[in-house]
Amino acid sequence: MQVRWLPDRHVKGVAYDTPIVGYGVNNANLLRLWKAEAPEAFDLNAFNQGNHFGAVTQKMAAENLTKVLYPNDQLQNGKRLRLEQQYFLVSCSLQDMLRIYLDTHQDLRYFHKKYAAQLNDTHPALAIPELMRLLIDEQSLRWEEAWQITTQTFSFTNHTLLPEAIETWSVALLQELLPRHLEIIFEINQRFLDEVRVYYRGHESALKTLSIIGEDENKHVRMANLSCVGSHTINGVAKLHTHLLKEGMLKNFDDLWPEKIINITNGITPRRFIRLANPGLSQLISHAIGDDWVNDLNYLQKLEQFSSDSAFLDQWAEVKLQAKRNLATLIYERSNTLIDPQSLFSIQAKRIHEYKRQHLNLLHILTLYNRIKDNPDNETVPRTFIFSGKAAPGYSMAKLIIKLINSIATVIDQDPVIKNRLKVFFLPNFNVKNAQNFYPAADLSEQISTAGKEASGTGNMKFSLNGALTIGTLDGANIEIRDAVGHENFFLFGHSSEKIGQLKTQGYDPRHYYEQDDELRAAIDLINSGIFSHGDHSLFHPITESLLNSDPFMLMADYRSYVDCQLDLAESYADKAHWNRMSLLNVARMGTFSSDRAVHEYCEKVWRVKPVAVEI
C-alpha cells in the first residue's frame, strides 16, 4: 500500500501563532494559522533567460493560496484554488501535529489520545486521506493501523441541510491535483462498501447513497460521505437539524451506525457577545445579581426576580435606548443617514441568502409602505429596518437582493408622505466588530429562514442574549430558544418543516398566494413597476420571477402569517412595560446557549478530554 508521491510543485507553510488567553484562569492556547510561501522566492535562471515574469511566478502562485479564503468557485480556476487551499491548510496542520507528537512519543497508535481533529463541515475533509497518506507513505504503517488511528482522531460536525452546500469534488480534478489522495479515497470507499454489503446481506439498494464516490454523469467525491466514514462521531448543531440529518441526508449512515450521530446545539460566548459588546447591560446585570453569570450563564436566571420591578425595567429600557443611540451614531458617521432611536429597531444581520429570506422582510416593508401611502393619517409604530450581511462572490441573486434593499431604502427616504415612520438601512462590511453594535441595539431579531433549512444559527442567540425579541419560524435553534424563553416571549409565524414538505409533495403553486392576497400582489407589483429602479422594469425581475414561478424557499406561503405576526408584534411594542418584561425574560433564560456548555459537551461526548487547571 505504500506509495511515493512526487508532487507537481512544493509550497512552504509558515505558522503564525496568536495566544488566546482564558477568562479568569491561567490558561493560554495558541491559535495557529498558516501562510503559504514559495520555497524559492525568485527563480534566477528564469530571470537570466529573459523570463522576468516567470522568475516570480512560483512565489505568486504559492502566496495566492492564503491571500483570499473562499474565492469564487463558479469557474474551474476558482474550484482548483479552493481545493488547493483546503489541502494546504489540512496538510500543514497534520504534518505539524505529527512533528510535535513524534518529538516525545514513539508509538503512533496513541496519536488520537494526544490530538482530536474536528472537521468543521466538509472543507477540511481532505484531512482524512492526508493523514492516511502521512501514516502509510511517510511513517510506514500498515493500512489497518493507519485507518484505526485516523478514525479515532477525526470527528465531523455537519452545518448544512442545503443540497447545493453539500461539497463534492470531481474525480478528474482530484486525479490531476491530488492523485495519491484519490487512490486512498477509492481504497477507503471499497473497504467501506464491503462492510455495507455485509450489513445489508447482499441487498445493495443503499450502496448508491452511502458510497463516497458519486456515480452520476460526472464522477465525483462526496466529502460529507467521506467525513462520515472517516470519523468516530458525527454531530448536528441543533435538535431539529440533527433530527433532519438522521431522518434525511444521513439516514443510511444512522441505520448503519445508530449511536454515531449525536446533537450538540451551538453556543455563543457571553464574554464577547454581551460582556464586551454590551457594557451598559452587563453593568446593570452585574449590579443586580453579581458577576458569576460571566463564567456561568445559567446565573442569568436570577434576573427573573426583577421581571415585575418597574424601576429596574425602566433602567433596562434606558440601557436599550442608549445602545440604539450608539448604533444610530455609528450609522450617521458611516453614511450620513439619520435614524430615530425611539423607533422600533428591527434587525436582520446575517449572510445574504435566499433561504434566509431577506426578501420576505422586504415584502413586509413594502406592505407597510403601501398601507401608509393608502392611508397617510393612520397611526403606526415608527419602524427602522436595518440589514447587514455579505453574499458569496458568485451569488448573483443575493447581490440583487442587496441592491433591492438599498433601492427601497432610497425611495422610502425620499418620500415625504412617510415622514420617518419607516426607515430602511443596509450597513456594509458586516463582521464581528460591526455586529457587536447590532446585537445590543436590536428591539427585534429577524430569524425568518424557511423551516428546515437553517442548521442552527448563532445570531439568533446573540440578539436574544442582548434583550431583543425574536420573530421567527420553527427552524434551527429558534425552536430551542422559543422553548427556553417561553412561547409567550417569542413571535412565531410560518409553516413547520413537516408542513413545508407536505406543500412541496402536494405540488406547491406560489402564484396561488399572489392571486389570493391583495397586499402580497401589491408588494410584488410595486417591485415590478420600476419605482425602485428608475423605471427599469427588468432589473428586479429575477427576484419576482423566482417568487412567482418556483419560490424554492416558500416566501409566498409564509407571507401572510409573517405580516400578521408583525402587526401583533407592533401592538406589543406599544406596551413598553410588557415589552421590557419580555426582553428581560429573554436574557434571563438564555443560559443554555453559552459556548461554555457547547464546548463542555464536545469535550465529554466527542473529544473525550477533561479540563486541565494551570497553576502558577
Foldseek 3Di string as FASTA:
>chain_A
DADDDDAPFDKDWDWDWDWDQDPPARDIDIDIDIFIAHPDQFQVVCVVVVNRVVRRVRGVVRRVLPPDAQADPPDPVSVLSLVVNLVVGLLVVLVVLVVVCVVPDDDLLCSLVVAADEAEALSNLLNLLSQQNCCCHVVVDDNVSSLNSQQSRYEYEHFFDDPVPQDKAFPVSCCVHPVSSSVVLVVLQVVVVVVVCVVVVNPCPCSQLLGQWHPPPTIIGGRVSSNLSRYQAYEFAFPLLLVCCCVPSCVVVCVVPVPRYYYQHAFAQCVVLDVVLQVLVQVLQCVVQNDVCNVFVLSLLVLLVCLPPLVSLVSLVVSLLVLLVVLQVVCCVVPVDGADSQAAEEEEEEAQDVQQPPVLVVLLLLLVVVVCVVPLPDDFGQYEYEYEHYYNPPPVLSVLSVLLQVLVQVLLVPDVSCVRSYHGYYDYDDDSVSVSSVQLNHQEYEREGQAPTGRADCSVLSNLLNLHEYEYENHHCVVVLCVQLDVVLHQYFDDHPVVVVVCVVVPPALQVLLVPDPSSVVSLVVQQCCSSPVRPNCSCVVVSCCRRGPNPRCSSVGSVRSSVSVVVVRVCVVVVSSSSSSSSSSNSRSSCNHNVNSVVCCCVPPSVHDDDRDDD
